[in-house]
N, C-alpha and C. Protein backbone atom coordinates (compact mmCIF):
# COMPACT_ATOMS: atom_id res chain seq x y z
N UNK A 1 1.05 -0.95 -0.27
CA UNK A 1 -0.40 -0.11 0.18
C UNK A 1 0.68 1.29 -0.17
N UNK A 2 -0.02 2.25 -0.46
CA UNK A 2 1.31 3.20 -0.86
C UNK A 2 0.70 4.45 0.15
N UNK A 3 1.86 5.68 0.45
CA UNK A 3 1.12 6.14 1.23
C UNK A 3 1.21 7.39 0.76
N UNK A 4 -0.42 7.88 1.42
CA UNK A 4 -0.49 9.60 0.38
C UNK A 4 -0.89 10.00 0.89
N UNK A 5 -0.23 11.52 0.75
CA UNK A 5 -0.01 12.56 1.91
C UNK A 5 -1.21 13.81 1.63
N UNK A 6 -1.86 13.34 3.19
CA UNK A 6 -3.14 14.35 3.01
C UNK A 6 -2.90 15.35 2.84
N UNK A 7 -3.98 15.60 2.29
CA UNK A 7 -4.21 17.18 1.08
C UNK A 7 -4.79 17.60 2.41
N UNK A 8 -4.15 19.00 2.91
CA UNK A 8 -5.05 19.58 4.02
C UNK A 8 -5.83 20.68 2.98
N UNK A 9 -6.98 20.65 4.76
CA UNK A 9 -8.62 21.80 4.00
C UNK A 9 -8.00 23.09 3.57
N UNK A 10 -8.49 23.40 2.31
CA UNK A 10 -8.23 25.10 1.84
C UNK A 10 -8.66 25.67 2.75
N UNK A 11 -9.26 25.84 4.25
CA UNK A 11 -9.59 27.31 5.47
C UNK A 11 -8.01 27.07 5.73
N UNK A 12 -6.73 25.84 5.98
CA UNK A 12 -5.62 25.53 6.73
C UNK A 12 -4.63 26.16 5.77
N UNK A 13 -5.02 26.22 4.07
CA UNK A 13 -4.20 26.52 3.24
C UNK A 13 -4.25 28.46 3.42
N UNK A 14 -5.31 28.72 3.94
CA UNK A 14 -5.51 30.20 3.52
C UNK A 14 -5.49 30.25 4.85
N UNK A 15 -5.27 30.12 5.95
CA UNK A 15 -4.54 30.67 7.59
C UNK A 15 -3.83 31.04 6.98
N UNK A 16 -2.79 29.62 6.92
CA UNK A 16 -1.63 29.61 6.22
C UNK A 16 -0.90 30.59 5.91
N UNK A 17 -1.68 31.20 5.14
CA UNK A 17 -0.96 32.42 4.30
C UNK A 17 -1.19 33.82 4.96
N UNK A 18 -2.56 33.98 5.36
CA UNK A 18 -3.23 34.94 6.18
C UNK A 18 -1.85 35.45 6.94
N UNK A 19 -1.80 34.06 7.93
CA UNK A 19 -0.45 34.10 9.16
C UNK A 19 0.75 34.48 8.92
N UNK A 20 0.97 34.38 7.78
CA UNK A 20 2.44 34.26 7.27
C UNK A 20 2.09 35.95 7.24
N UNK A 21 1.62 36.40 6.61
CA UNK A 21 1.08 38.38 6.18
C UNK A 21 1.53 38.81 6.83
N UNK A 22 1.34 38.52 8.86
CA UNK A 22 2.19 39.51 9.87
C UNK A 22 2.43 40.14 9.62
N UNK A 23 2.25 41.42 10.11
CA UNK A 23 3.97 42.93 9.50
C UNK A 23 3.64 43.18 8.47
N UNK A 24 3.01 43.33 7.57
CA UNK A 24 2.62 43.36 5.69
C UNK A 24 2.18 44.83 6.33
N UNK A 25 2.20 45.82 6.20
CA UNK A 25 1.52 47.11 6.75
C UNK A 25 0.31 46.69 5.55
N UNK A 26 -0.60 47.73 6.44
CA UNK A 26 -1.97 47.42 5.49
C UNK A 26 -2.06 48.88 4.46
N UNK A 27 -2.64 48.81 2.98
CA UNK A 27 -2.70 49.75 2.22
C UNK A 27 -3.53 49.50 1.67
N UNK A 28 -4.67 50.84 1.90
CA UNK A 28 -6.03 50.74 0.87
C UNK A 28 -5.81 50.33 -0.81
N UNK A 29 -6.34 49.25 -1.10
CA UNK A 29 -7.31 48.52 -2.60
C UNK A 29 -5.46 47.60 -2.29
N UNK A 30 -4.08 47.16 -1.27
CA UNK A 30 -3.47 46.26 -1.58
C UNK A 30 -3.81 44.91 -1.39
N UNK A 31 -3.15 44.19 -2.19
CA UNK A 31 -3.51 42.97 -2.35
C UNK A 31 -1.87 42.22 -2.92
N UNK A 32 -0.61 42.71 -2.02
CA UNK A 32 0.05 42.12 -2.01
C UNK A 32 0.95 41.79 -0.80
N UNK A 33 2.77 41.78 -1.32
CA UNK A 33 3.04 42.37 0.11
C UNK A 33 3.78 42.79 0.27
N UNK A 34 3.71 44.13 -0.52
CA UNK A 34 3.51 45.49 -0.22
C UNK A 34 2.90 46.30 0.50
N UNK A 35 1.38 45.31 0.67
CA UNK A 35 0.81 45.85 1.40
C UNK A 35 -0.55 45.18 1.09
N UNK A 36 -1.46 44.94 1.92
CA UNK A 36 -3.03 44.60 2.03
C UNK A 36 -3.75 45.93 2.82
N UNK A 37 -4.84 45.48 1.99
CA UNK A 37 -6.26 45.72 2.65
C UNK A 37 -7.23 44.71 3.02
N UNK A 38 -8.10 44.96 3.79
CA UNK A 38 -8.72 43.58 4.86
C UNK A 38 -9.10 42.58 3.82
N UNK A 39 -9.70 43.59 3.11
CA UNK A 39 -10.62 41.94 1.58
C UNK A 39 -9.30 41.54 -0.10
N UNK A 40 -8.22 42.74 0.33
CA UNK A 40 -7.54 42.13 -0.72
C UNK A 40 -6.38 40.74 0.50
N UNK A 41 -6.45 40.97 1.49
CA UNK A 41 -5.59 40.14 2.63
C UNK A 41 -6.52 38.77 1.69
N UNK A 42 -7.23 38.86 2.45
CA UNK A 42 -8.74 37.17 1.88
C UNK A 42 -8.50 36.70 1.04
N UNK A 43 -8.96 37.41 0.14
CA UNK A 43 -8.46 37.25 -1.75
C UNK A 43 -7.57 36.33 -2.24
N UNK A 44 -6.32 36.28 -1.47
CA UNK A 44 -5.10 35.75 -1.49
C UNK A 44 -4.81 34.92 -0.61
N UNK A 45 -5.17 35.01 0.50
CA UNK A 45 -5.35 33.99 1.34
C UNK A 45 -5.91 32.97 0.57
N UNK A 46 -7.39 32.98 -0.11
CA UNK A 46 -7.51 31.97 -0.11
C UNK A 46 -8.12 31.76 -2.46
N UNK A 47 -6.85 32.44 -2.75
CA UNK A 47 -6.64 32.26 -4.03
C UNK A 47 -5.58 31.10 -3.54
N UNK A 48 -4.42 31.42 -2.68
CA UNK A 48 -3.43 30.18 -2.86
C UNK A 48 -4.10 28.94 -2.66
N UNK A 49 -5.60 29.11 -1.65
CA UNK A 49 -5.96 27.81 -0.89
C UNK A 49 -7.01 27.38 -2.34
N UNK A 50 -6.50 28.28 -3.64
CA UNK A 50 -7.91 27.38 -5.24
C UNK A 50 -9.05 27.69 -5.09
N UNK A 51 -9.33 29.01 -4.11
CA UNK A 51 -10.78 29.13 -4.33
C UNK A 51 -10.63 30.96 -4.28
N UNK A 52 -11.59 31.26 -5.34
CA UNK A 52 -11.39 32.33 -5.98
C UNK A 52 -12.30 33.15 -5.36
N UNK A 53 -11.81 34.41 -4.83
CA UNK A 53 -13.60 35.28 -4.14
C UNK A 53 -13.64 36.88 -4.87
N UNK A 54 -14.67 37.41 -5.01
CA UNK A 54 -14.51 38.63 -6.03
C UNK A 54 -13.62 39.49 -4.45
N UNK A 55 -13.67 40.48 -4.93
CA UNK A 55 -12.70 41.52 -4.71
C UNK A 55 -13.21 42.38 -2.94
N UNK A 56 -14.42 42.70 -2.94
CA UNK A 56 -14.67 43.66 -2.40
C UNK A 56 -15.24 43.03 -0.80
N UNK A 57 -15.25 42.96 0.20
CA UNK A 57 -15.70 42.24 1.43
C UNK A 57 -17.35 41.93 1.12
N UNK A 58 -18.23 43.61 0.67
CA UNK A 58 -19.04 43.31 0.29
C UNK A 58 -19.49 41.91 -0.31
N UNK A 59 -18.62 42.29 -1.83
CA UNK A 59 -18.76 40.95 -2.17
C UNK A 59 -18.48 39.83 -1.81
N UNK A 60 -17.55 39.72 -1.29
CA UNK A 60 -17.24 38.70 -0.70
C UNK A 60 -18.32 37.77 0.50
N UNK A 61 -19.26 38.22 1.16
CA UNK A 61 -19.75 38.30 1.92
C UNK A 61 -21.19 37.60 0.62
N UNK A 62 -21.47 38.34 0.13
CA UNK A 62 -22.02 37.99 -1.13
C UNK A 62 -22.81 37.15 -2.00
N UNK A 63 -21.05 36.58 -1.88
CA UNK A 63 -20.84 34.88 -2.74
C UNK A 63 -21.12 33.96 -2.04
N UNK A 64 -21.88 33.87 -0.93
CA UNK A 64 -21.78 32.98 -0.56
C UNK A 64 -23.77 32.70 0.32
N UNK A 65 -24.27 31.66 -0.08
CA UNK A 65 -25.65 31.78 0.00
C UNK A 65 -25.81 31.23 2.30
N UNK A 66 -24.96 30.51 2.53
CA UNK A 66 -24.46 30.01 3.71
C UNK A 66 -23.95 31.08 4.72
N UNK A 67 -24.71 31.33 5.43
CA UNK A 67 -23.87 32.58 6.79
C UNK A 67 -24.08 31.01 7.77
N UNK A 68 -22.46 31.86 8.07
CA UNK A 68 -22.37 31.12 9.84
C UNK A 68 -22.90 31.99 11.47
N UNK A 69 -23.08 32.08 11.58
CA UNK A 69 -23.17 32.68 13.34
C UNK A 69 -22.39 32.85 14.36
N UNK A 70 -22.43 33.82 15.15
CA UNK A 70 -21.01 34.25 16.06
C UNK A 70 -21.08 32.40 16.73
N UNK A 71 -21.87 32.23 17.72
CA UNK A 71 -21.14 30.92 17.30
C UNK A 71 -21.27 30.03 17.31
N UNK A 72 -21.02 29.98 16.43
CA UNK A 72 -20.32 28.96 15.23
C UNK A 72 -19.42 29.18 14.63
N UNK A 73 -18.89 30.47 14.80
CA UNK A 73 -17.36 30.13 14.00
C UNK A 73 -15.92 29.62 14.37
N UNK A 74 -15.15 29.28 13.43
CA UNK A 74 -14.41 28.13 13.66
C UNK A 74 -13.38 28.93 12.32
N UNK A 75 -11.77 28.22 13.07
CA UNK A 75 -10.60 28.44 11.71
C UNK A 75 -11.17 27.98 10.60
N UNK A 76 -10.35 29.99 10.07
CA UNK A 76 -10.97 29.65 8.63
C UNK A 76 -12.22 30.32 7.84
N UNK A 77 -13.13 30.52 8.54
CA UNK A 77 -14.20 30.96 8.83
C UNK A 77 -14.32 32.37 8.00
N UNK A 78 -14.91 33.49 7.54
CA UNK A 78 -14.41 35.46 6.83
C UNK A 78 -16.16 35.59 7.73
N UNK A 79 -15.02 36.79 8.95
CA UNK A 79 -15.87 37.11 9.53
C UNK A 79 -15.94 38.99 9.04
N UNK A 80 -17.53 39.09 9.24
CA UNK A 80 -17.51 40.42 8.89
C UNK A 80 -18.12 41.11 9.53
N UNK A 81 -17.38 42.63 9.37
CA UNK A 81 -18.22 43.72 10.31
C UNK A 81 -18.78 44.84 9.50
N UNK A 82 -18.73 46.14 10.64
CA UNK A 82 -19.67 47.82 10.48
C UNK A 82 -19.74 47.52 8.98
N UNK A 83 -21.28 46.94 8.37
CA UNK A 83 -22.14 47.13 7.20
C UNK A 83 -21.33 46.51 6.96
N UNK A 84 -20.79 45.25 6.68
CA UNK A 84 -19.90 45.11 5.78
C UNK A 84 -18.68 46.03 5.01
N UNK A 85 -18.09 47.14 5.54
CA UNK A 85 -17.14 47.49 5.49
C UNK A 85 -15.45 46.93 6.33
N UNK A 86 -15.78 45.48 6.58
CA UNK A 86 -14.43 45.22 7.03
C UNK A 86 -14.78 43.96 7.34
N UNK A 87 -13.68 42.91 6.83
CA UNK A 87 -13.56 41.30 6.83
C UNK A 87 -12.09 41.05 7.20
N UNK A 88 -12.41 39.69 8.32
CA UNK A 88 -11.45 39.46 8.86
C UNK A 88 -11.01 37.72 7.99
N UNK A 89 -9.97 36.61 9.42
CA UNK A 89 -10.32 35.84 9.14
C UNK A 89 -10.46 35.20 11.06
N UNK A 90 -10.88 34.18 11.01
CA UNK A 90 -10.99 33.42 12.14
C UNK A 90 -9.42 33.43 12.13
N UNK A 91 -9.10 32.68 13.37
CA UNK A 91 -7.25 32.22 13.46
C UNK A 91 -7.80 30.56 14.17
N UNK A 92 -8.31 31.39 15.15
CA UNK A 92 -7.98 29.95 16.34
C UNK A 92 -9.30 30.94 17.63
N UNK A 93 -10.28 29.96 17.75
CA UNK A 93 -11.15 30.87 19.04
C UNK A 93 -11.35 31.75 19.27
N UNK A 94 -12.17 32.86 19.00
CA UNK A 94 -11.53 33.96 20.03
C UNK A 94 -11.09 34.84 19.56
N UNK A 95 -10.13 34.50 18.12
CA UNK A 95 -8.89 35.67 17.23
C UNK A 95 -9.67 35.40 15.81
N UNK A 96 -8.68 36.64 15.59
CA UNK A 96 -8.96 36.80 13.76
C UNK A 96 -7.20 37.15 13.48
N UNK A 97 -7.31 37.30 12.06
CA UNK A 97 -5.76 37.94 11.60
C UNK A 97 -6.32 38.67 10.48
N UNK A 98 -6.09 39.31 10.74
CA UNK A 98 -7.45 40.67 9.14
C UNK A 98 -6.59 41.97 9.30
N UNK A 99 -5.82 42.64 8.17
CA UNK A 99 -5.09 44.44 7.74
C UNK A 99 -6.39 45.10 8.59
N UNK A 100 -6.46 45.86 9.66
CA UNK A 100 -7.44 46.73 10.49
C UNK A 100 -6.92 48.26 9.58
N UNK A 101 -6.42 48.81 9.60
CA UNK A 101 -6.38 49.99 8.46
C UNK A 101 -5.02 50.84 8.62
N UNK A 102 -5.86 51.83 7.77
CA UNK A 102 -3.70 52.91 7.21
C UNK A 102 -3.48 52.86 9.14
N UNK A 103 -1.90 52.81 9.08
CA UNK A 103 -0.87 53.66 10.06
C UNK A 103 -0.80 51.21 10.87
N UNK A 104 -1.46 50.90 10.22
CA UNK A 104 -1.70 49.49 10.88
C UNK A 104 -1.28 48.31 10.00
N UNK A 105 -1.05 47.30 10.55
CA UNK A 105 -0.06 46.09 9.62
C UNK A 105 -1.30 44.89 9.68
N UNK A 106 -1.45 43.35 8.72
CA UNK A 106 -2.39 43.04 9.04
C UNK A 106 -0.91 41.94 10.62
N UNK A 107 -2.88 41.31 11.25
CA UNK A 107 -2.14 40.99 12.66
C UNK A 107 -3.66 39.91 13.26
N UNK A 108 -3.02 39.09 14.35
CA UNK A 108 -3.97 38.99 14.39
C UNK A 108 -4.35 39.42 15.68
N UNK A 109 -5.65 39.38 16.26
CA UNK A 109 -6.28 40.69 17.51
C UNK A 109 -7.32 39.31 18.16
N UNK A 110 -7.32 40.04 18.91
CA UNK A 110 -8.46 39.19 19.65
C UNK A 110 -10.05 39.77 19.24
N UNK A 111 -10.65 38.99 19.38
CA UNK A 111 -12.43 39.65 19.16
C UNK A 111 -13.00 40.07 20.53
N UNK A 112 -13.08 41.35 20.57
CA UNK A 112 -13.50 42.35 21.65
C UNK A 112 -14.89 42.14 21.11
N UNK A 113 -15.42 42.16 22.50
CA UNK A 113 -16.80 43.07 22.30
C UNK A 113 -17.10 43.89 21.54
N UNK A 114 -16.76 45.29 21.28
CA UNK A 114 -16.87 46.00 20.12
C UNK A 114 -17.44 45.27 19.21
N UNK A 115 -16.32 44.07 18.84
CA UNK A 115 -15.92 43.98 17.29
C UNK A 115 -17.85 43.40 17.65
N UNK A 116 -18.14 42.08 18.44
CA UNK A 116 -19.11 41.35 18.82
C UNK A 116 -20.27 42.71 18.27
N UNK A 117 -20.40 43.77 18.53
CA UNK A 117 -21.38 44.56 18.37
C UNK A 117 -21.39 44.67 16.96
N UNK A 118 -20.30 45.08 16.30
CA UNK A 118 -20.03 45.17 14.85
C UNK A 118 -20.45 44.07 13.83
N UNK A 119 -19.94 42.75 14.39
CA UNK A 119 -20.86 41.83 13.59
C UNK A 119 -21.77 41.59 12.31
N UNK A 120 -21.48 41.63 11.17
CA UNK A 120 -22.59 41.21 10.68
C UNK A 120 -23.27 39.85 9.89
N UNK A 121 -22.05 39.84 10.65
CA UNK A 121 -22.32 37.98 9.78
C UNK A 121 -20.81 36.64 8.98
N UNK A 122 -20.57 36.07 9.21
CA UNK A 122 -19.35 35.35 8.92
C UNK A 122 -19.81 33.63 7.21
N UNK A 123 -18.98 33.98 7.10
CA UNK A 123 -18.94 32.65 5.17
C UNK A 123 -18.02 31.52 6.05
N UNK A 124 -18.36 30.44 5.54
CA UNK A 124 -17.10 29.22 5.15
C UNK A 124 -17.03 29.21 3.80
N UNK A 125 -15.85 29.70 3.37
CA UNK A 125 -15.96 29.44 1.98
C UNK A 125 -15.58 28.46 1.17
N UNK A 126 -15.84 27.90 0.12
CA UNK A 126 -15.96 26.44 -1.04
C UNK A 126 -16.00 27.28 -2.52
N UNK A 127 -15.40 26.51 -2.32
CA UNK A 127 -15.26 26.56 -4.60
C UNK A 127 -16.83 26.65 -4.81
N UNK A 128 -17.38 25.39 -4.32
CA UNK A 128 -18.73 25.65 -4.68
C UNK A 128 -19.04 26.45 -4.95
N UNK A 129 -19.43 27.19 -3.59
CA UNK A 129 -20.37 28.77 -3.26
C UNK A 129 -20.22 29.74 -3.70
N UNK A 130 -18.91 30.01 -4.44
CA UNK A 130 -18.45 31.18 -5.14
C UNK A 130 -18.98 30.45 -7.07
N UNK A 131 -18.67 29.14 -7.40
CA UNK A 131 -19.07 29.31 -8.53
C UNK A 131 -20.92 29.85 -8.57
N UNK A 132 -21.03 29.36 -7.38
CA UNK A 132 -22.50 29.30 -8.17
C UNK A 132 -23.24 30.84 -7.47
N UNK A 133 -21.88 31.63 -6.83
CA UNK A 133 -21.84 32.94 -6.96
C UNK A 133 -22.05 33.96 -8.69
N UNK A 134 -20.88 33.46 -8.80
CA UNK A 134 -20.28 33.88 -10.39
C UNK A 134 -20.89 33.65 -11.27
N UNK A 135 -21.90 32.00 -11.19
CA UNK A 135 -22.81 31.29 -12.01
C UNK A 135 -24.16 32.71 -12.11
N UNK A 136 -24.14 33.29 -11.16
CA UNK A 136 -25.75 34.27 -11.01
C UNK A 136 -25.24 35.93 -11.77
N UNK A 137 -24.47 35.60 -11.22
CA UNK A 137 -23.27 37.05 -11.84
C UNK A 137 -23.05 37.42 -13.41
N UNK A 138 -22.77 36.00 -13.52
CA UNK A 138 -23.35 35.89 -14.88
C UNK A 138 -23.85 35.56 -16.01
N UNK A 139 -24.80 35.45 -15.45
CA UNK A 139 -26.86 35.47 -15.78
C UNK A 139 -26.98 36.75 -15.25
N UNK A 140 -27.19 37.84 -14.59
CA UNK A 140 -27.55 38.94 -14.64
C UNK A 140 -26.43 39.94 -15.49
N UNK A 141 -25.13 39.72 -15.31
CA UNK A 141 -24.91 40.46 -16.98
C UNK A 141 -25.36 39.96 -18.15
N UNK A 142 -25.94 38.90 -18.01
CA UNK A 142 -26.62 39.04 -19.67
C UNK A 142 -27.72 39.84 -19.84
N UNK A 143 -27.72 40.38 -21.58
CA UNK A 143 -28.64 41.38 -22.20
C UNK A 143 -29.79 40.87 -22.07
N UNK A 144 -30.61 41.22 -21.34
CA UNK A 144 -32.94 40.94 -21.44
C UNK A 144 -32.85 40.31 -23.02
N UNK A 145 -33.24 39.33 -22.86
CA UNK A 145 -33.73 38.98 -24.89
C UNK A 145 -34.35 40.30 -25.11
N UNK A 146 -34.63 40.25 -26.81
CA UNK A 146 -35.62 41.76 -27.22
C UNK A 146 -36.92 40.51 -27.48
N UNK A 147 -37.96 41.50 -27.16
CA UNK A 147 -39.56 40.89 -27.38
C UNK A 147 -39.81 41.28 -29.30
N UNK A 148 -40.48 40.56 -29.91
CA UNK A 148 -40.81 40.30 -30.88
C UNK A 148 -41.78 41.97 -30.87
N UNK A 149 -41.88 42.84 -32.18
CA UNK A 149 -41.90 43.95 -31.81
C UNK A 149 -43.89 43.80 -32.56
N UNK A 150 -44.90 44.43 -33.14
CA UNK A 150 -45.83 43.90 -33.98
C UNK A 150 -45.95 45.33 -35.12
N UNK A 151 -45.89 44.94 -36.21
CA UNK A 151 -45.40 46.28 -37.16
C UNK A 151 -46.79 46.26 -37.87
N UNK A 152 -47.37 47.60 -38.14
CA UNK A 152 -48.83 48.04 -38.48
C UNK A 152 -48.56 48.32 -40.26
């Protein structure tokens, strides 16, 4: 019998990526080691795990139909705050890794009480969920079929 390497789950790869970026500066619109914003960090973290996400926090939240409650949070879950204006990733119970704001760096931070108050929801990324979102966007982008018009 041949030993097969066990492939780590996508969330584990994404979390490893995000945690490896601690100390990289926050840069608005950033998606590289020069700097990350919150959604740019999530975009690249999940991309490293083979899951393509949309660019902004609001789009990332909308990409998945199944939402996760505060009580159900697990490592790898993407957590959204402040009217979908901020996103981070659960790193371990009670903590998240994120790119907070200008003048700061990517870091792991305890989920404080005020974060709980600003919590909008969470998602557990999977390729199937994002594929469904992309298909719906494509369908919405198609022009409406033209209807035949009567002529006199």
